[in-house]
Every structure is written in structure tokens, then in C-alpha cells.
């Protein structure tokens, strides 16, 4: 079982903490991050940058999220790993 941790994110001048888990998927990995009660997977693209995946379960509610927040979380993941 994956251990939970928090990802610190600087967003609009505030430091926010988001609960997350690292999931091993075959030879790869994903981060499962909870944002306002919704779970988002973050995975690497072909360039090694992280991106949020929108699933059927959070597709409707993602319209209410600021895309810049998702980008800030992805950037925070990248900075933690580098």
C-alpha cells in the first residue's frame, strides 16, 4: 500500500498543501493528488513534464478548478523530484 504525503504548492501567494500518494504502475508511476475532494492523477508526458489527467469521475467538476492550480501542482511535483 502506498503511503500518503502532502505536496506543498505556492499558488497566488499562498502555500497550500495537497494530500497525495505515489502509485507504481508497471514500469512507470503516477501521483494521485486530492484537490477540493476530487482525485487527479499526475503523470509524466513524453518530455518528462508532469500533467494532470482528467477522468470521467472528475470531468464535470474540473471546470470549476483554475487550470493554473493544476499547473502549479505539476510544477511542484517536478521541483520535488529534481
Protein backbone atom coordinates (compact mmCIF):
# COMPACT_ATOMS: atom_id res chain seq x y z
CA UNK A 1 0.00 0.00 0.00
CA UNK A 2 1.26 3.46 -0.89
CA UNK A 3 2.00 5.89 1.91
CA UNK A 4 0.24 9.25 1.91
CA UNK A 5 2.15 12.54 2.00
CA UNK A 6 1.45 16.19 1.25
CA UNK A 7 2.65 18.23 -1.72
CA UNK A 8 3.38 21.88 -0.90
CA UNK A 9 2.29 24.26 -3.66
CA UNK A 10 2.85 28.00 -3.91
CA UNK A 11 -0.27 29.38 -5.59
CA UNK A 12 -1.34 33.03 -5.78
CA UNK A 13 0.99 33.97 -2.96
CA UNK A 14 -0.22 31.23 -0.61
CA UNK A 15 1.44 27.96 0.32
CA UNK A 16 -1.13 25.18 0.02
CA UNK A 17 -0.78 21.52 0.95
CA UNK A 18 -2.47 18.78 -1.06
CA UNK A 19 -2.73 15.16 0.08
CA UNK A 20 -1.07 12.79 -2.37
CA UNK A 21 0.10 9.23 -2.94
CA UNK A 22 2.72 7.82 -5.26
CA UNK A 23 1.40 4.88 -7.30
CA UNK A 24 3.64 2.43 -9.11
CA UNK A 25 2.07 1.44 -12.41
CA UNK A 26 4.07 -1.20 -14.26
CA UNK A 27 7.40 0.39 -15.12
CA UNK A 28 6.06 3.88 -14.50
CA UNK A 29 4.49 5.89 -11.71
CA UNK A 30 1.68 8.38 -11.13
CA UNK A 31 0.82 10.76 -8.34
CA UNK A 32 -2.74 10.71 -7.04
CA UNK A 33 -3.48 14.19 -5.66
CA UNK A 34 -6.68 15.23 -3.89
CA UNK A 35 -7.87 18.73 -4.78
CA UNK A 36 -11.08 20.02 -3.20
CA UNK A 37 -12.28 16.46 -2.63
CA UNK A 38 -11.53 15.33 -6.21
CA UNK A 39 -8.71 12.96 -7.11
CA UNK A 40 -6.41 13.79 -10.00
CA UNK A 41 -3.67 11.66 -11.46
CA UNK A 42 -0.45 13.42 -12.42
CA UNK A 43 1.86 11.57 -14.79
CA UNK A 44 4.86 12.38 -16.94
CA UNK A 45 4.43 13.20 -20.60
CA UNK A 46 6.97 12.29 -23.30
CA UNK A 47 9.10 15.32 -22.36
CA UNK A 48 9.29 14.34 -18.69
CA UNK A 49 6.93 17.11 -17.55
CA UNK A 50 4.01 16.26 -15.28
CA UNK A 51 0.42 16.83 -16.33
CA UNK A 52 -2.97 16.35 -14.71
CA UNK A 53 -5.27 13.73 -16.15
CA UNK A 54 -8.98 14.41 -16.25
CA UNK A 55 -11.06 11.28 -15.74
CA UNK A 56 -14.75 10.65 -16.16
CA UNK A 57 -15.21 10.90 -12.37
CA UNK A 58 -13.85 14.47 -12.16
CA UNK A 59 -14.55 15.76 -15.67
CA UNK A 60 -17.62 17.83 -14.74
CA UNK A 61 -16.10 19.36 -11.61
CA UNK A 62 -12.77 20.23 -13.26
CA UNK A 63 -14.47 23.16 -14.99
CA UNK A 64 -14.66 24.85 -11.58
CA UNK A 65 -10.90 24.46 -10.97
CA UNK A 66 -8.35 27.01 -12.06
CA UNK A 67 -6.07 25.43 -14.69
CA UNK A 68 -3.20 27.41 -13.19
CA UNK A 69 -3.65 25.46 -9.94
CA UNK A 70 -3.18 22.17 -11.79
CA UNK A 71 -0.07 23.61 -13.47
CA UNK A 72 1.28 24.79 -10.11
CA UNK A 73 0.84 21.31 -8.64
CA UNK A 74 2.59 19.71 -11.62
CA UNK A 75 5.48 22.19 -11.28
CA UNK A 76 5.72 21.46 -7.57
CA UNK A 77 5.96 17.71 -8.25
CA UNK A 78 8.72 18.36 -10.77
CA UNK A 79 10.66 20.58 -8.36
CA UNK A 80 10.42 18.00 -5.58
CA UNK A 81 11.83 15.29 -7.84
CA UNK A 82 14.69 17.40 -9.23
